[in-house]
C-alpha atoms as a PDB file:
ATOM      1  CA  MET A   1     -34.025 -33.016  36.988  1.00  0.00           C
ATOM      2  CA  SER A   2     -32.961 -34.761  40.205  1.00  0.00           C
ATOM      3  CA  GLU A   3     -29.312 -33.976  39.432  1.00  0.00           C
ATOM      4  CA  ILE A   4     -30.133 -30.286  39.013  1.00  0.00           C
ATOM      5  CA  LEU A   5     -31.922 -30.220  42.376  1.00  0.00           C
ATOM      6  CA  GLU A   6     -29.002 -32.039  43.967  1.00  0.00           C
ATOM      7  CA  ILE A   7     -26.578 -29.505  42.540  1.00  0.00           C
ATOM      8  CA  ILE A   8     -28.722 -26.649  43.862  1.00  0.00           C
ATOM      9  CA  MET A   9     -28.590 -28.264  47.313  1.00  0.00           C
ATOM     10  CA  ILE A  10     -24.830 -28.832  47.176  1.00  0.00           C
ATOM     11  CA  VAL A  11     -24.114 -25.320  45.848  1.00  0.00           C
ATOM     12  CA  SER A  12     -26.378 -23.794  48.509  1.00  0.00           C
ATOM     13  CA  PHE A  13     -24.552 -25.654  51.265  1.00  0.00           C
ATOM     14  CA  GLY A  14     -21.210 -24.978  49.643  1.00  0.00           C
ATOM     15  CA  ALA A  15     -21.743 -21.236  49.309  1.00  0.00           C
ATOM     16  CA  SER A  16     -21.512 -20.848  53.071  1.00  0.00           C
ATOM     17  CA  TRP A  17     -18.259 -22.798  53.545  1.00  0.00           C
ATOM     18  CA  PRO A  18     -15.830 -20.266  52.048  1.00  0.00           C
ATOM     19  CA  LEU A  19     -17.381 -17.582  54.254  1.00  0.00           C
ATOM     20  CA  ASN A  20     -17.081 -19.865  57.259  1.00  0.00           C
ATOM     21  CA  VAL A  21     -13.429 -20.632  56.457  1.00  0.00           C
ATOM     22  CA  ILE A  22     -12.638 -16.909  56.209  1.00  0.00           C
ATOM     23  CA  LYS A  23     -14.411 -16.272  59.504  1.00  0.00           C
ATOM     24  CA  SER A  24     -12.500 -19.098  61.208  1.00  0.00           C
ATOM     25  CA  TYR A  25      -9.205 -17.814  59.848  1.00  0.00           C
ATOM     26  CA  LYS A  26      -9.808 -14.246  60.992  1.00  0.00           C
ATOM     27  CA  ALA A  27     -11.369 -15.122  64.371  1.00  0.00           C
ATOM     28  CA  ARG A  28      -8.297 -17.071  65.542  1.00  0.00           C
ATOM     29  CA  THR A  29     -10.458 -18.833  68.137  1.00  0.00           C
ATOM     30  CA  ALA A  30     -12.382 -22.092  68.244  1.00  0.00           C
ATOM     31  CA  LYS A  31     -15.012 -20.638  70.550  1.00  0.00           C
ATOM     32  CA  GLY A  32     -18.440 -21.069  69.056  1.00  0.00           C
ATOM     33  CA  LYS A  33     -17.314 -23.923  66.803  1.00  0.00           C
ATOM     34  CA  SER A  34     -18.426 -27.521  67.172  1.00  0.00           C
ATOM     35  CA  LEU A  35     -15.976 -30.269  66.270  1.00  0.00           C
ATOM     36  CA  PRO A  36     -18.693 -32.980  66.230  1.00  0.00           C
ATOM     37  CA  PHE A  37     -20.729 -30.847  63.816  1.00  0.00           C
ATOM     38  CA  LEU A  38     -17.775 -30.316  61.473  1.00  0.00           C
ATOM     39  CA  LEU A  39     -16.919 -34.024  61.551  1.00  0.00           C
ATOM     40  CA  LEU A  40     -20.530 -34.988  60.874  1.00  0.00           C
ATOM     41  CA  ILE A  41     -20.659 -32.706  57.836  1.00  0.00           C
ATOM     42  CA  PHE A  42     -17.245 -33.958  56.646  1.00  0.00           C
ATOM     43  CA  PHE A  43     -18.305 -37.602  56.826  1.00  0.00           C
ATOM     44  CA  GLY A  44     -21.669 -36.738  55.266  1.00  0.00           C
ATOM     45  CA  TYR A  45     -19.869 -35.431  52.193  1.00  0.00           C
ATOM     46  CA  ILE A  46     -17.720 -38.574  52.109  1.00  0.00           C
ATOM     47  CA  ALA A  47     -20.904 -40.672  52.196  1.00  0.00           C
ATOM     48  CA  GLY A  48     -22.387 -38.579  49.380  1.00  0.00           C
ATOM     49  CA  ILE A  49     -19.271 -39.062  47.276  1.00  0.00           C
ATOM     50  CA  ALA A  50     -19.235 -42.802  47.981  1.00  0.00           C
ATOM     51  CA  SER A  51     -22.911 -43.055  47.027  1.00  0.00           C
ATOM     52  CA  LYS A  52     -22.123 -41.543  43.629  1.00  0.00           C
ATOM     53  CA  PHE A  53     -19.296 -44.015  42.999  1.00  0.00           C
ATOM     54  CA  LEU A  54     -21.564 -46.913  44.003  1.00  0.00           C
ATOM     55  CA  ASN A  55     -24.477 -45.733  41.835  1.00  0.00           C
ATOM     56  CA  GLU A  56     -24.191 -47.684  38.575  1.00  0.00           C
ATOM     57  CA  ALA A  57     -26.549 -45.376  36.688  1.00  0.00           C
ATOM     58  CA  TYR A  58     -24.548 -42.312  37.719  1.00  0.00           C
ATOM     59  CA  MET A  59     -21.226 -43.904  36.850  1.00  0.00           C
ATOM     60  CA  ALA A  60     -22.562 -45.010  33.456  1.00  0.00           C
ATOM     61  CA  SER A  61     -23.211 -41.348  32.629  1.00  0.00           C
ATOM     62  CA  PHE A  62     -20.206 -39.924  34.517  1.00  0.00           C
ATOM     63  CA  GLY A  63     -18.849 -38.179  31.419  1.00  0.00           C
ATOM     64  CA  GLU A  64     -21.997 -36.063  31.292  1.00  0.00           C
ATOM     65  CA  LYS A  65     -22.538 -35.645  35.047  1.00  0.00           C
ATOM     66  CA  TRP A  66     -19.028 -35.240  36.498  1.00  0.00           C
ATOM     67  CA  TYR A  67     -19.929 -31.772  37.794  1.00  0.00           C
ATOM     68  CA  VAL A  68     -22.099 -33.248  40.570  1.00  0.00           C
ATOM     69  CA  LEU A  69     -19.078 -34.951  42.130  1.00  0.00           C
ATOM     70  CA  PHE A  70     -17.013 -31.806  41.588  1.00  0.00           C
ATOM     71  CA  PHE A  71     -19.272 -29.873  43.972  1.00  0.00           C
ATOM     72  CA  TYR A  72     -19.191 -32.682  46.550  1.00  0.00           C
ATOM     73  CA  PHE A  73     -15.380 -32.652  46.494  1.00  0.00           C
ATOM     74  CA  LEU A  74     -15.250 -28.859  46.609  1.00  0.00           C
ATOM     75  CA  ASN A  75     -17.437 -28.815  49.725  1.00  0.00           C
ATOM     76  CA  LEU A  76     -15.418 -31.627  51.293  1.00  0.00           C
ATOM     77  CA  ILE A  77     -12.237 -29.601  50.771  1.00  0.00           C
ATOM     78  CA  MET A  78     -13.831 -26.501  52.329  1.00  0.00           C
ATOM     79  CA  VAL A  79     -14.963 -28.447  55.391  1.00  0.00           C
ATOM     80  CA  GLY A  80     -11.503 -30.033  55.604  1.00  0.00           C
ATOM     81  CA  ILE A  81      -9.897 -26.593  55.600  1.00  0.00           C
ATOM     82  CA  ASP A  82     -12.310 -25.490  58.326  1.00  0.00           C
ATOM     83  CA  LEU A  83     -11.357 -28.572  60.356  1.00  0.00           C
ATOM     84  CA  CYS A  84      -7.670 -27.659  60.035  1.00  0.00           C
ATOM     85  CA  LEU A  85      -8.446 -24.112  61.119  1.00  0.00           C
ATOM     86  CA  TYR A  86     -10.403 -25.491  64.068  1.00  0.00           C
ATOM     87  CA  VAL A  87      -7.296 -27.388  65.225  1.00  0.00           C
ATOM     88  CA  ARG A  88      -5.144 -24.291  64.711  1.00  0.00           C
ATOM     89  CA  ASN A  89      -7.610 -22.150  66.631  1.00  0.00           C
ATOM     90  CA  VAL A  90      -7.845 -24.609  69.528  1.00  0.00           C
ATOM     91  CA  ASN A  91      -4.055 -24.414  69.832  1.00  0.00           C
ATOM     92  CA  LEU A  92      -4.186 -20.620  69.708  1.00  0.00           C
ATOM     93  CA  ASP A  93      -6.871 -20.642  72.438  1.00  0.00           C
ATOM     94  CA  LYS A  94      -4.659 -22.862  74.623  1.00  0.00           C
ATOM     95  CA  LYS A  95      -1.675 -20.552  74.146  1.00  0.00           C
ATOM     96  CA  ARG A  96      -3.782 -17.526  75.090  1.00  0.00           C
ATOM     97  CA  ASP A  97      -5.145 -19.274  78.176  1.00  0.00           C
ATOM     98  CA  ASN A  98      -1.638 -20.073  79.459  1.00  0.00           C
END
């Protein structure tokens, strides 16, 4: 049951990231974005992934519960894409300001 609740949490968080990535791509500006926030979320997902690999009980049943890590990695990728777009958008902001 705890794995199901964890998946609900991860999917709920993860549902917003594709929308956020699309918004960042279309906005072409970093205004309103927070780099510390994005980095905190990024490293939070890394910590969550590491906790799964260090959890002996989880790893013993990995064949049955691989999907939990799948959602962690999917969210990590989405946040990583948003971080890349943040860098792109900062550069676009600088070009516009010059």
